Structure formats: structure tokens, C-alpha cells
Amino acid sequence: MKDQTTHFGFRTVPLTEKSKLVREVFDSVADRYDLMNDLMSFGIHRLWKQLAVYLSGVRYGERVLDLAGGTGDLTALLQPRVGDKGEVILADINAAMLRRGRDRLIDQGLVTNIRYVQADAQALPFADETFDCVTIGFGLRNVTDKNKALRSMHRVLKPGGRLLILEFSKPRGEWFSKLYDFYSFNVLPLLGRLVAGDEDSYRYLAESIRMHPDQDALKAMMAKAGFERTEYFNLTLGVVAIHRGYKL
């Protein structure tokens, strides 16, 4: 294990160090995370998240795991859908992000049928077949072993349950890809420095998107982990994709 390596953005780092480095990034950006999301995406991330929740098909009375849920945007959308007979668990490996999410949801008056769990996506601390739906928004690319995480998500889903992955992906079209690259590697770090006081973390976030599997590769990984009827939906010319798969 000590000799194995993985990527942290464009850097190659020891496998055992990536989770620590990712934690440091999100410890740094937690307080300005929501503001930066609005600035970086021009507010469009809110529409992406609404569509992901719509495609989840979550219904009254269901149990949902919002994994890598961060500051709680998806949980806030899911909680009214499950109603007073359901439950949403907001889980994140990062304590600072989890605290931020809990405080935001309480400030919004969302206090019932929500629980908070600090959890690693690669080793979820839940029994088999616990959830009707698992969502993970903009978190999978930061996981060290994505295949292990996908198997863990499959394990905790009930038969008939579904996984929704909302993540940055590979844009379509050469001209748009070039424009997106310029924006990612020049504008995002500048915004990070001016607004969050942290240029390096936002440079890492841009790099991590380029290291994440593209649409078809992630779909194949989901199938290998046991998911069936896997499909994806490109949003904003492929800047973001929603992947959906079922445990049958």
C-alpha cells in the first residue's frame, strides 16, 4: 500500500495521502463553498441539482443517502420529497463541510427527518439494503478508490434502489472544450484567490475534473460495480453529467 500512488489533481501522490490532501482542500473552502459555487457556475449548479433530484424519482416515505452531501443543497431538495415518513441522511467525510451543511439546513428550518453522518464513501457504515436511493453530487471525483466506493453504494441500496451521480464530466465540442479549459485554469483560481483567499484549492478542483472518468468510462464503472440499466444525461454541453443506475 505504501508504494502505491494515485492522482491529486495533476500531481502523483502516495495512495495513503490523498484523503488527507482532499480534506485539507475542503477544510479551507468550506466557509465560502456556497458563494463560490454560485460564482463559478453563474448559479446554474442549482438547476443541475434540481434535475438530479427529479431524475432520482425519490418518493414519500423513502430513505435516501446524500453522500458527499457537503453543505446540504441536495438534502434540502430531497427532504420535502420523503416527507414525515421518510429520512435523508446527509453524509460527508469532511467534518467542516458536514457542520456547514447542518448549520445551513437548520437555518432554513429543515430539522425533521434529516440525520448527519461523517462517513467515507469507500466504506459506508450502514447495513446492506438500507436505502431506496443514494445521491452523490460533485463528490465522486475526490474519492481515492472510485470502484470501491461504487461497490459500497451498491451494497447499501435496496433491490430496486437507484444511484444518482451528479459530477463534472467531459464537455462536447472542440471549441467549447477550449473555452472551458481557459475558464477552468485561469478564471477559477483567480476567483478562489479573490473570494476564498485560496487559489491552490480551486486549481486542484479544476485539475480533479480533468482526471475524473468521462461519461462512458463512469457508466462502465457503474456496470462493473453491479448497477444495471445505467445511463447518463449531459448538461450544459457535457460540463456536467448525471449518471443513473439501478440495483435490481
C-alpha atoms as a PDB file:
ATOM      1  CA  MET A   1       0.000   0.000   0.000  1.00  0.00           C
ATOM      2  CA  LYS A   2       2.763   2.449   0.901  1.00  0.00           C
ATOM      3  CA  ASP A   3       4.289   2.135  -2.586  1.00  0.00           C
ATOM      4  CA  GLN A   4       1.013   2.667  -4.448  1.00  0.00           C
ATOM      5  CA  THR A   5       0.215   6.064  -5.894  1.00  0.00           C
ATOM      6  CA  THR A   6      -2.807   7.963  -7.166  1.00  0.00           C
ATOM      7  CA  HIS A   7      -3.554  11.402  -8.532  1.00  0.00           C
ATOM      8  CA  PHE A   8      -4.313  14.549  -6.603  1.00  0.00           C
ATOM      9  CA  GLY A   9      -5.225  16.895  -9.387  1.00  0.00           C
ATOM     10  CA  PHE A  10      -2.307  16.632 -11.800  1.00  0.00           C
ATOM     11  CA  ARG A  11       0.100  15.576  -9.048  1.00  0.00           C
ATOM     12  CA  THR A  12       1.031  11.977  -8.288  1.00  0.00           C
ATOM     13  CA  VAL A  13       0.866  11.305  -4.554  1.00  0.00           C
ATOM     14  CA  PRO A  14       1.060   8.235  -2.296  1.00  0.00           C
ATOM     15  CA  LEU A  15      -2.287   6.458  -2.143  1.00  0.00           C
ATOM     16  CA  THR A  16      -2.423   6.840   1.623  1.00  0.00           C
ATOM     17  CA  GLU A  17      -2.064  10.644   1.449  1.00  0.00           C
ATOM     18  CA  LYS A  18      -4.870  11.594  -0.948  1.00  0.00           C
ATOM     19  CA  SER A  19      -7.703  11.602   1.595  1.00  0.00           C
ATOM     20  CA  LYS A  20      -5.678  13.917   3.852  1.00  0.00           C
ATOM     21  CA  LEU A  21      -4.955  16.306   0.983  1.00  0.00           C
ATOM     22  CA  VAL A  22      -8.600  16.360  -0.104  1.00  0.00           C
ATOM     23  CA  ARG A  23      -9.660  17.018   3.494  1.00  0.00           C
ATOM     24  CA  GLU A  24      -7.322  19.999   3.665  1.00  0.00           C
ATOM     25  CA  VAL A  25      -8.856  21.428   0.478  1.00  0.00           C
ATOM     26  CA  PHE A  26     -12.392  21.262   1.834  1.00  0.00           C
ATOM     27  CA  ASP A  27     -11.382  22.448   5.293  1.00  0.00           C
ATOM     28  CA  SER A  28     -10.044  25.525   3.518  1.00  0.00           C
ATOM     29  CA  VAL A  29     -13.022  26.212   1.238  1.00  0.00           C
ATOM     30  CA  ALA A  30     -15.952  25.225   3.496  1.00  0.00           C
ATOM     31  CA  ASP A  31     -16.907  28.738   4.633  1.00  0.00           C
ATOM     32  CA  ARG A  32     -17.035  30.184   1.101  1.00  0.00           C
ATOM     33  CA  TYR A  33     -18.070  26.981  -0.675  1.00  0.00           C
ATOM     34  CA  ASP A  34     -21.650  28.007  -1.475  1.00  0.00           C
ATOM     35  CA  LEU A  35     -20.734  31.504  -2.622  1.00  0.00           C
ATOM     36  CA  MET A  36     -18.011  30.116  -4.852  1.00  0.00           C
ATOM     37  CA  ASN A  37     -20.416  27.558  -6.361  1.00  0.00           C
ATOM     38  CA  ASP A  38     -22.766  30.370  -7.357  1.00  0.00           C
ATOM     39  CA  LEU A  39     -19.948  32.457  -8.811  1.00  0.00           C
ATOM     40  CA  MET A  40     -18.198  29.613 -10.648  1.00  0.00           C
ATOM     41  CA  SER A  41     -21.351  28.238 -12.281  1.00  0.00           C
ATOM     42  CA  PHE A  42     -23.258  31.535 -12.600  1.00  0.00           C
ATOM     43  CA  GLY A  43     -25.895  29.904 -10.387  1.00  0.00           C
ATOM     44  CA  ILE A  44     -26.553  27.071 -12.856  1.00  0.00           C
ATOM     45  CA  HIS A  45     -25.477  24.448 -10.299  1.00  0.00           C
ATOM     46  CA  ARG A  46     -28.870  24.929  -8.640  1.00  0.00           C
ATOM     47  CA  LEU A  47     -30.643  23.794 -11.820  1.00  0.00           C
ATOM     48  CA  TRP A  48     -28.292  20.818 -12.175  1.00  0.00           C
ATOM     49  CA  LYS A  49     -29.146  19.729  -8.640  1.00  0.00           C
ATOM     50  CA  GLN A  50     -32.878  20.154  -9.154  1.00  0.00           C
ATOM     51  CA  LEU A  51     -32.712  17.955 -12.240  1.00  0.00           C
ATOM     52  CA  ALA A  52     -30.699  15.302 -10.389  1.00  0.00           C
ATOM     53  CA  VAL A  53     -33.338  15.130  -7.654  1.00  0.00           C
ATOM     54  CA  TYR A  54     -36.096  14.949 -10.273  1.00  0.00           C
ATOM     55  CA  LEU A  55     -34.335  12.057 -12.029  1.00  0.00           C
ATOM     56  CA  SER A  56     -33.878  10.267  -8.692  1.00  0.00           C
ATOM     57  CA  GLY A  57     -37.613   9.608  -8.514  1.00  0.00           C
ATOM     58  CA  VAL A  58     -37.497   9.890  -4.723  1.00  0.00           C
ATOM     59  CA  ARG A  59     -40.958   9.468  -3.205  1.00  0.00           C
ATOM     60  CA  TYR A  60     -42.751   9.923   0.092  1.00  0.00           C
ATOM     61  CA  GLY A  61     -41.568   7.599   2.827  1.00  0.00           C
ATOM     62  CA  GLU A  62     -38.269   6.597   1.244  1.00  0.00           C
ATOM     63  CA  ARG A  63     -34.826   6.562   2.859  1.00  0.00           C
ATOM     64  CA  VAL A  64     -32.144   8.473   0.977  1.00  0.00           C
ATOM     65  CA  LEU A  65     -28.402   8.774   1.476  1.00  0.00           C
ATOM     66  CA  ASP A  66     -26.996  12.102   0.260  1.00  0.00           C
ATOM     67  CA  LEU A  67     -23.361  11.070   0.087  1.00  0.00           C
ATOM     68  CA  ALA A  68     -20.580  13.662  -0.007  1.00  0.00           C
ATOM     69  CA  GLY A  69     -23.515  15.974   0.653  1.00  0.00           C
ATOM     70  CA  GLY A  70     -21.347  18.864   1.777  1.00  0.00           C
ATOM     71  CA  THR A  71     -23.340  21.958   2.573  1.00  0.00           C
ATOM     72  CA  GLY A  72     -26.694  20.273   2.019  1.00  0.00           C
ATOM     73  CA  ASP A  73     -28.096  21.532  -1.295  1.00  0.00           C
ATOM     74  CA  LEU A  74     -29.356  18.108  -2.388  1.00  0.00           C
ATOM     75  CA  THR A  75     -30.606  17.241   1.094  1.00  0.00           C
ATOM     76  CA  ALA A  76     -32.690  20.432   1.127  1.00  0.00           C
ATOM     77  CA  LEU A  77     -34.349  19.325  -2.115  1.00  0.00           C
ATOM     78  CA  LEU A  78     -34.781  15.702  -1.051  1.00  0.00           C
ATOM     79  CA  GLN A  79     -36.231  16.288   2.421  1.00  0.00           C
ATOM     80  CA  PRO A  80     -39.666  17.569   1.260  1.00  0.00           C
ATOM     81  CA  ARG A  81     -39.946  14.643  -1.140  1.00  0.00           C
ATOM     82  CA  VAL A  82     -39.518  11.949   1.509  1.00  0.00           C
ATOM     83  CA  GLY A  83     -41.913  13.729   3.878  1.00  0.00           C
ATOM     84  CA  ASP A  84     -42.547  12.924   7.514  1.00  0.00           C
ATOM     85  CA  LYS A  85     -42.393   9.156   6.972  1.00  0.00           C
ATOM     86  CA  GLY A  86     -39.050   9.205   5.166  1.00  0.00           C
ATOM     87  CA  GLU A  87     -35.495  10.135   6.048  1.00  0.00           C
ATOM     88  CA  VAL A  88     -32.490  11.774   4.418  1.00  0.00           C
ATOM     89  CA  ILE A  89     -29.016  11.128   5.758  1.00  0.00           C
ATOM     90  CA  LEU A  90     -26.505  13.815   4.866  1.00  0.00           C
ATOM     91  CA  ALA A  91     -23.100  12.149   4.886  1.00  0.00           C
ATOM     92  CA  ASP A  92     -19.675  13.602   4.204  1.00  0.00           C
ATOM     93  CA  ILE A  93     -16.145  12.536   5.040  1.00  0.00           C
ATOM     94  CA  ASN A  94     -15.200  16.121   5.872  1.00  0.00           C
ATOM     95  CA  ALA A  95     -16.286  17.373   9.299  1.00  0.00           C
ATOM     96  CA  ALA A  96     -16.072  21.071   8.361  1.00  0.00           C
ATOM     97  CA  MET A  97     -18.354  20.598   5.360  1.00  0.00           C
ATOM     98  CA  LEU A  98     -20.767  18.492   7.391  1.00  0.00           C
ATOM     99  CA  ARG A  99     -21.012  21.171  10.094  1.00  0.00           C
ATOM    100  CA  ARG A 100     -21.579  23.803   7.440  1.00  0.00           C
ATOM    101  CA  GLY A 101     -24.351  21.725   5.899  1.00  0.00           C
ATOM    102  CA  ARG A 102     -26.044  21.103   9.233  1.00  0.00           C
ATOM    103  CA  ASP A 103     -25.968  24.795  10.150  1.00  0.00           C
ATOM    104  CA  ARG A 104     -27.355  25.841   6.749  1.00  0.00           C
ATOM    105  CA  LEU A 105     -30.234  23.366   6.882  1.00  0.00           C
ATOM    106  CA  ILE A 106     -31.149  24.333  10.445  1.00  0.00           C
ATOM    107  CA  ASP A 107     -31.110  27.996   9.413  1.00  0.00           C
ATOM    108  CA  GLN A 108     -33.563  27.087   6.635  1.00  0.00           C
ATOM    109  CA  GLY A 109     -35.856  25.399   9.156  1.00  0.00           C
ATOM    110  CA  LEU A 110     -35.134  21.896   7.856  1.00  0.00           C
ATOM    111  CA  VAL A 111     -34.749  19.992  11.090  1.00  0.00           C
ATOM    112  CA  THR A 112     -37.001  16.923  10.824  1.00  0.00           C
ATOM    113  CA  ASN A 113     -36.162  13.622   9.144  1.00  0.00           C
ATOM    114  CA  ILE A 114     -32.547  14.595   8.477  1.00  0.00           C
ATOM    115  CA  ARG A 115     -29.562  12.903  10.098  1.00  0.00           C
ATOM    116  CA  TYR A 116     -25.876  13.715   9.765  1.00  0.00           C
ATOM    117  CA  VAL A 117     -23.140  11.105   9.498  1.00  0.00           C
ATOM    118  CA  GLN A 118     -19.423  11.540   8.917  1.00  0.00           C
ATOM    119  CA  ALA A 119     -18.669   8.704   6.528  1.00  0.00           C
ATOM    120  CA  ASP A 120     -16.177   7.516   3.929  1.00  0.00           C
ATOM    121  CA  ALA A 121     -17.827   6.617   0.607  1.00  0.00           C
ATOM    122  CA  GLN A 122     -15.433   3.687   0.247  1.00  0.00           C
ATOM    123  CA  ALA A 123     -16.630   2.011   3.458  1.00  0.00           C
ATOM    124  CA  LEU A 124     -20.156   3.169   4.250  1.00  0.00           C
ATOM    125  CA  PRO A 125     -21.167   2.466   7.880  1.00  0.00           C
ATOM    126  CA  PHE A 126     -24.654   1.220   7.024  1.00  0.00           C
ATOM    127  CA  ALA A 127     -26.223  -2.208   6.795  1.00  0.00           C
ATOM    128  CA  ASP A 128     -26.868  -3.903   3.482  1.00  0.00           C
ATOM    129  CA  GLU A 129     -30.032  -2.816   1.653  1.00  0.00           C
ATOM    130  CA  THR A 130     -30.712   0.244   3.818  1.00  0.00           C
ATOM    131  CA  PHE A 131     -31.583   2.938   1.263  1.00  0.00           C
ATOM    132  CA  ASP A 132     -34.040   3.431  -1.580  1.00  0.00           C
ATOM    133  CA  CYS A 133     -31.752   5.974  -3.230  1.00  0.00           C
ATOM    134  CA  VAL A 134     -28.163   7.183  -2.969  1.00  0.00           C
ATOM    135  CA  THR A 135     -27.135  10.546  -4.392  1.00  0.00           C
ATOM    136  CA  ILE A 136     -23.634  11.923  -4.676  1.00  0.00           C
ATOM    137  CA  GLY A 137     -23.179  15.424  -6.035  1.00  0.00           C
ATOM    138  CA  PHE A 138     -19.733  16.667  -7.073  1.00  0.00           C
ATOM    139  CA  GLY A 139     -18.028  14.270  -4.685  1.00  0.00           C
ATOM    140  CA  LEU A 140     -17.061  11.116  -6.555  1.00  0.00           C
ATOM    141  CA  ARG A 141     -14.061  12.679  -8.294  1.00  0.00           C
ATOM    142  CA  ASN A 142     -12.457  13.334  -4.887  1.00  0.00           C
ATOM    143  CA  VAL A 143     -12.724   9.704  -3.762  1.00  0.00           C
ATOM    144  CA  THR A 144      -9.443   7.777  -3.784  1.00  0.00           C
ATOM    145  CA  ASP A 145     -10.876   4.417  -4.932  1.00  0.00           C
ATOM    146  CA  LYS A 146     -13.965   5.131  -7.018  1.00  0.00           C
ATOM    147  CA  ASN A 147     -14.631   1.471  -7.822  1.00  0.00           C
ATOM    148  CA  LYS A 148     -14.646   0.583  -4.145  1.00  0.00           C
ATOM    149  CA  ALA A 149     -16.991   3.488  -3.422  1.00  0.00           C
ATOM    150  CA  LEU A 150     -19.409   2.394  -6.158  1.00  0.00           C
ATOM    151  CA  ARG A 151     -19.484  -1.137  -4.747  1.00  0.00           C
ATOM    152  CA  SER A 152     -20.165   0.285  -1.291  1.00  0.00           C
ATOM    153  CA  MET A 153     -23.057   2.367  -2.622  1.00  0.00           C
ATOM    154  CA  HIS A 154     -24.472  -0.679  -4.408  1.00  0.00           C
ATOM    155  CA  ARG A 155     -24.312  -2.703  -1.194  1.00  0.00           C
ATOM    156  CA  VAL A 156     -26.375  -0.259   0.889  1.00  0.00           C
ATOM    157  CA  LEU A 157     -29.114   0.101  -1.728  1.00  0.00           C
ATOM    158  CA  LYS A 158     -32.277  -1.961  -1.525  1.00  0.00           C
ATOM    159  CA  PRO A 159     -33.292  -4.062  -4.543  1.00  0.00           C
ATOM    160  CA  GLY A 160     -34.941  -1.618  -6.920  1.00  0.00           C
ATOM    161  CA  GLY A 161     -32.928   1.241  -5.450  1.00  0.00           C
ATOM    162  CA  ARG A 162     -31.064   3.715  -7.601  1.00  0.00           C
ATOM    163  CA  LEU A 163     -27.845   5.677  -7.591  1.00  0.00           C
ATOM    164  CA  LEU A 164     -27.645   9.236  -8.926  1.00  0.00           C
ATOM    165  CA  ILE A 165     -24.192  10.688  -9.589  1.00  0.00           C
ATOM    166  CA  LEU A 166     -24.014  14.392 -10.397  1.00  0.00           C
ATOM    167  CA  GLU A 167     -20.482  15.246 -11.437  1.00  0.00           C
ATOM    168  CA  PHE A 168     -18.367  17.355 -13.743  1.00  0.00           C
ATOM    169  CA  SER A 169     -17.594  15.493 -16.948  1.00  0.00           C
ATOM    170  CA  LYS A 170     -16.148  15.901 -20.438  1.00  0.00           C
ATOM    171  CA  PRO A 171     -17.567  18.808 -22.463  1.00  0.00           C
ATOM    172  CA  ARG A 172     -18.734  18.206 -26.028  1.00  0.00           C
ATOM    173  CA  GLY A 173     -17.243  20.138 -28.920  1.00  0.00           C
ATOM    174  CA  GLU A 174     -13.655  21.227 -29.509  1.00  0.00           C
ATOM    175  CA  TRP A 175     -14.301  24.970 -29.394  1.00  0.00           C
ATOM    176  CA  PHE A 176     -16.303  24.719 -26.184  1.00  0.00           C
ATOM    177  CA  SER A 177     -13.702  22.455 -24.563  1.00  0.00           C
ATOM    178  CA  LYS A 178     -11.002  25.048 -25.240  1.00  0.00           C
ATOM    179  CA  LEU A 179     -13.138  27.819 -23.783  1.00  0.00           C
ATOM    180  CA  TYR A 180     -13.913  25.668 -20.743  1.00  0.00           C
ATOM    181  CA  ASP A 181     -10.216  24.896 -20.218  1.00  0.00           C
ATOM    182  CA  PHE A 182      -9.340  28.601 -20.308  1.00  0.00           C
ATOM    183  CA  TYR A 183     -12.086  29.362 -17.794  1.00  0.00           C
ATOM    184  CA  SER A 184     -11.101  26.481 -15.501  1.00  0.00           C
ATOM    185  CA  PHE A 185      -7.382  27.165 -15.326  1.00  0.00           C
ATOM    186  CA  ASN A 186      -7.423  30.949 -15.388  1.00  0.00           C
ATOM    187  CA  VAL A 187     -10.712  32.287 -14.031  1.00  0.00           C
ATOM    188  CA  LEU A 188     -11.448  29.705 -11.327  1.00  0.00           C
ATOM    189  CA  PRO A 189      -8.109  30.036  -9.496  1.00  0.00           C
ATOM    190  CA  LEU A 190      -8.416  33.821  -9.699  1.00  0.00           C
ATOM    191  CA  LEU A 191     -11.915  33.663  -8.164  1.00  0.00           C
ATOM    192  CA  GLY A 192     -10.555  31.346  -5.492  1.00  0.00           C
ATOM    193  CA  ARG A 193      -7.840  33.843  -4.601  1.00  0.00           C
ATOM    194  CA  LEU A 194     -10.091  36.896  -4.599  1.00  0.00           C
ATOM    195  CA  VAL A 195     -13.173  35.447  -2.910  1.00  0.00           C
ATOM    196  CA  ALA A 196     -11.984  32.497  -0.819  1.00  0.00           C
ATOM    197  CA  GLY A 197      -8.360  33.511  -0.329  1.00  0.00           C
ATOM    198  CA  ASP A 198      -7.281  30.130  -1.671  1.00  0.00           C
ATOM    199  CA  GLU A 199      -6.048  29.889  -5.244  1.00  0.00           C
ATOM    200  CA  ASP A 200      -4.420  26.463  -4.850  1.00  0.00           C
ATOM    201  CA  SER A 201      -7.579  24.658  -3.751  1.00  0.00           C
ATOM    202  CA  TYR A 202      -9.548  25.876  -6.731  1.00  0.00           C
ATOM    203  CA  ARG A 203      -6.709  24.989  -9.077  1.00  0.00           C
ATOM    204  CA  TYR A 204      -6.876  21.476  -7.622  1.00  0.00           C
ATOM    205  CA  LEU A 205     -10.645  21.362  -8.156  1.00  0.00           C
ATOM    206  CA  ALA A 206     -10.147  22.277 -11.832  1.00  0.00           C
ATOM    207  CA  GLU A 207      -7.452  19.639 -12.212  1.00  0.00           C
ATOM    208  CA  SER A 208      -9.516  16.965 -10.466  1.00  0.00           C
ATOM    209  CA  ILE A 209     -12.277  17.388 -13.053  1.00  0.00           C
ATOM    210  CA  ARG A 210      -9.786  16.552 -15.852  1.00  0.00           C
ATOM    211  CA  MET A 211      -8.687  13.397 -14.007  1.00  0.00           C
ATOM    212  CA  HIS A 212     -12.236  12.133 -13.490  1.00  0.00           C
ATOM    213  CA  PRO A 213     -13.545   9.396 -15.832  1.00  0.00           C
ATOM    214  CA  ASP A 214     -15.573  10.668 -18.770  1.00  0.00           C
ATOM    215  CA  GLN A 215     -19.244   9.841 -19.297  1.00  0.00           C
ATOM    216  CA  ASP A 216     -18.831   6.435 -20.912  1.00  0.00           C
ATOM    217  CA  ALA A 217     -15.993   5.346 -18.615  1.00  0.00           C
ATOM    218  CA  LEU A 218     -18.035   6.145 -15.497  1.00  0.00           C
ATOM    219  CA  LYS A 219     -21.050   4.337 -16.936  1.00  0.00           C
ATOM    220  CA  ALA A 220     -18.874   1.241 -17.437  1.00  0.00           C
ATOM    221  CA  MET A 221     -17.551   1.509 -13.870  1.00  0.00           C
ATOM    222  CA  MET A 222     -21.104   1.584 -12.532  1.00  0.00           C
ATOM    223  CA  ALA A 223     -21.970  -1.555 -14.500  1.00  0.00           C
ATOM    224  CA  LYS A 224     -18.865  -3.299 -13.178  1.00  0.00           C
ATOM    225  CA  ALA A 225     -19.947  -2.417  -9.617  1.00  0.00           C
ATOM    226  CA  GLY A 226     -23.259  -4.202 -10.194  1.00  0.00           C
ATOM    227  CA  PHE A 227     -25.576  -1.440 -11.359  1.00  0.00           C
ATOM    228  CA  GLU A 228     -27.971  -2.160 -14.190  1.00  0.00           C
ATOM    229  CA  ARG A 229     -29.899  -0.007 -16.658  1.00  0.00           C
ATOM    230  CA  THR A 230     -27.092   2.539 -16.355  1.00  0.00           C
ATOM    231  CA  GLU A 231     -27.439   5.755 -18.336  1.00  0.00           C
ATOM    232  CA  TYR A 232     -26.276   9.339 -18.285  1.00  0.00           C
ATOM    233  CA  PHE A 233     -27.640  12.757 -19.140  1.00  0.00           C
ATOM    234  CA  ASN A 234     -25.323  15.515 -20.345  1.00  0.00           C
ATOM    235  CA  LEU A 235     -25.986  19.010 -19.022  1.00  0.00           C
ATOM    236  CA  THR A 236     -24.546  22.307 -20.283  1.00  0.00           C
ATOM    237  CA  LEU A 237     -22.815  20.699 -23.267  1.00  0.00           C
ATOM    238  CA  GLY A 238     -21.321  17.962 -21.103  1.00  0.00           C
ATOM    239  CA  VAL A 239     -19.710  20.203 -18.491  1.00  0.00           C
ATOM    240  CA  VAL A 240     -21.772  18.173 -16.041  1.00  0.00           C
ATOM    241  CA  ALA A 241     -23.396  14.762 -16.389  1.00  0.00           C
ATOM    242  CA  ILE A 242     -25.952  12.931 -14.293  1.00  0.00           C
ATOM    243  CA  HIS A 243     -25.410   9.171 -14.202  1.00  0.00           C
ATOM    244  CA  ARG A 244     -28.208   6.896 -13.038  1.00  0.00           C
ATOM    245  CA  GLY A 245     -28.123   3.186 -12.286  1.00  0.00           C
ATOM    246  CA  TYR A 246     -30.333   0.662 -10.528  1.00  0.00           C
ATOM    247  CA  LYS A 247     -29.782  -2.243  -8.176  1.00  0.00           C
ATOM    248  CA  LEU A 248     -32.088  -4.956  -9.465  1.00  0.00           C
END
